[in-house]
Amino acid sequence: MHGDKERMLRLDCQQRLEAEANYATGRLLFLRDAFAERLLSSAPVSFDRVKELTREFGNTMTSTLWRAVETIHSPTFGLVSQHPRHQLDPERAAVRYFLRSQTFREQFSSVTEAEVFCALGSC
C-alpha cells in the first residue's frame, strides 16, 4: 500500500502502528517483565550488565541497550555510533541512535545527540 495515495495511511497513523508493533515485539523478545526485573535487580545498572543480558536474552546489543534505557527511571541515555576504532564514514551519520529515558527527555530536552557525542570526545 505504500505509494498508493488513495489507500495509504496518514503519517501519524503509520507512526502509531509502528510504535505499537515495536512495543509488542519488545515485550515478546524481552519476556514481558523478566528483563526489567533482571536489569534492575543489580544496582547500579552498568554497561557490563547490559552485555550480560544481551547474551541471556539472545538479542542484539543495540536492542538490549535500547530496552535498558527505556526501563531505567532515572535520567539515562545511550549512544550507538560507528565503531570508534574505524575511521568515521562521512556518508553515514556518526550517531546511529540517541537513546533517552523518559526522565532524561523531560529534564534535558534541549540536549542533542551531537552535544553528547562531542562531550564524550568523539568529534
Protein backbone atom coordinates (compact mmCIF):
# COMPACT_ATOMS: atom_id res chain seq x y z
CA MET A 1 0.00 0.00 0.00
CA HIS A 2 2.99 2.33 0.18
CA GLY A 3 2.77 4.83 -2.62
CA ASP A 4 -0.97 4.38 -3.15
CA LYS A 5 -2.24 7.78 -2.06
CA GLU A 6 -5.87 6.63 -2.01
CA ARG A 7 -5.15 3.74 0.36
CA MET A 8 -2.12 4.96 2.30
CA LEU A 9 -2.50 5.70 5.99
CA ARG A 10 -1.76 9.16 7.30
CA LEU A 11 1.79 9.56 8.59
CA ASP A 12 0.68 9.92 12.23
CA CYS A 13 -1.34 6.70 11.95
CA GLN A 14 1.62 4.86 10.38
CA GLN A 15 3.88 6.06 13.19
CA ARG A 16 1.40 4.95 15.84
CA LEU A 17 1.06 1.49 14.29
CA GLU A 18 4.86 1.20 14.07
CA ALA A 19 5.23 2.22 17.73
CA GLU A 20 2.62 -0.36 18.79
CA ALA A 21 4.35 -3.07 16.75
CA ASN A 22 7.72 -2.17 18.29
CA TYR A 23 6.24 -2.27 21.78
CA ALA A 24 4.66 -5.69 21.22
CA THR A 25 7.84 -7.08 19.69
CA GLY A 26 9.89 -5.80 22.63
CA ARG A 27 7.54 -7.45 25.09
CA LEU A 28 7.99 -10.77 23.27
CA LEU A 29 11.76 -10.54 22.83
CA PHE A 30 12.39 -9.49 26.42
CA LEU A 31 9.85 -11.85 28.03
CA ARG A 32 7.43 -9.20 29.30
CA ASP A 33 8.70 -8.01 32.70
CA ALA A 34 11.52 -10.54 33.11
CA PHE A 35 14.06 -8.22 31.52
CA ALA A 36 13.22 -5.27 33.78
CA GLU A 37 13.37 -7.49 36.86
CA ARG A 38 16.81 -8.85 35.92
CA LEU A 39 18.17 -5.47 34.87
CA LEU A 40 17.04 -3.62 37.99
CA SER A 41 17.96 -6.42 40.40
CA SER A 42 21.61 -5.38 40.28
CA ALA A 43 22.00 -1.74 41.19
CA PRO A 44 23.59 0.31 39.89
CA VAL A 45 22.91 -0.74 36.32
CA SER A 46 26.11 -0.96 34.31
CA PHE A 47 27.08 -1.48 30.70
CA ASP A 48 28.55 -4.85 31.71
CA ARG A 49 25.11 -5.85 33.00
CA VAL A 50 23.56 -4.84 29.67
CA LYS A 51 26.13 -7.04 27.88
CA GLU A 52 25.25 -9.98 30.15
CA LEU A 53 21.55 -9.50 29.42
CA THR A 54 22.31 -9.34 25.70
CA ARG A 55 23.65 -12.89 25.91
CA GLU A 56 20.96 -14.07 28.34
CA PHE A 57 18.04 -12.90 26.22
CA GLY A 58 19.72 -13.61 22.88
CA ASN A 59 19.10 -10.18 21.40
CA THR A 60 21.39 -7.64 19.79
CA MET A 61 23.44 -5.25 21.89
CA THR A 62 21.57 -2.31 20.36
CA SER A 63 18.10 -3.66 21.15
CA THR A 64 19.15 -4.66 24.67
CA LEU A 65 20.69 -1.24 25.37
CA TRP A 66 17.57 0.41 23.96
CA ARG A 67 15.32 -1.64 26.24
CA ALA A 68 17.57 -0.96 29.25
CA VAL A 69 17.49 2.81 28.71
CA GLU A 70 13.69 2.70 28.34
CA THR A 71 13.40 0.64 31.53
CA ILE A 72 15.52 2.80 33.83
CA HIS A 73 13.53 5.54 35.57
CA SER A 74 16.44 7.90 36.30
CA PRO A 75 17.84 10.29 33.65
CA THR A 76 19.70 7.84 31.43
CA PHE A 77 20.93 7.87 27.86
CA GLY A 78 22.64 5.53 25.46
CA LEU A 79 24.51 6.37 22.31
CA VAL A 80 25.04 3.97 19.42
CA SER A 81 27.61 5.21 16.94
CA GLN A 82 30.07 3.95 14.39
CA HIS A 83 32.85 1.87 15.90
CA PRO A 84 35.50 4.21 17.36
CA ARG A 85 38.40 2.15 16.01
CA HIS A 86 37.23 2.58 12.44
CA GLN A 87 37.52 5.81 10.55
CA LEU A 88 34.19 7.56 10.52
CA ASP A 89 32.41 7.07 7.23
CA PRO A 90 31.42 10.56 6.02
CA GLU A 91 28.49 9.05 4.12
CA ARG A 92 26.89 7.85 7.37
CA ALA A 93 25.87 9.81 10.42
CA ALA A 94 28.32 9.33 13.28
CA VAL A 95 25.44 8.69 15.71
CA ARG A 96 23.05 5.95 14.72
CA TYR A 97 20.79 6.13 17.79
CA PHE A 98 20.50 8.55 20.69
CA LEU A 99 18.51 6.62 23.29
CA ARG A 100 16.95 8.55 26.16
CA SER A 101 14.88 7.51 29.14
CA GLN A 102 11.62 9.36 29.64
CA THR A 103 13.14 11.18 32.63
CA PHE A 104 16.15 12.23 30.55
CA ARG A 105 13.86 13.58 27.81
CA GLU A 106 11.88 15.58 30.34
CA GLN A 107 14.87 17.02 32.22
CA PHE A 108 17.26 17.52 29.31
CA SER A 109 15.01 18.15 26.33
CA SER A 110 17.44 20.60 24.73
CA VAL A 111 20.44 18.22 24.78
CA THR A 112 21.25 16.95 21.29
CA GLU A 113 22.98 13.80 20.14
CA ALA A 114 25.78 15.91 18.63
CA GLU A 115 26.45 17.58 22.00
CA VAL A 116 26.63 14.23 23.78
CA PHE A 117 28.80 12.70 21.06
CA CYS A 118 31.27 15.59 21.27
CA ALA A 119 31.22 15.63 25.10
CA LEU A 120 32.34 12.01 25.03
CA GLY A 121 35.38 13.10 23.00
CA SER A 122 34.25 11.55 19.76
CA CYS A 123 34.35 14.59 17.46
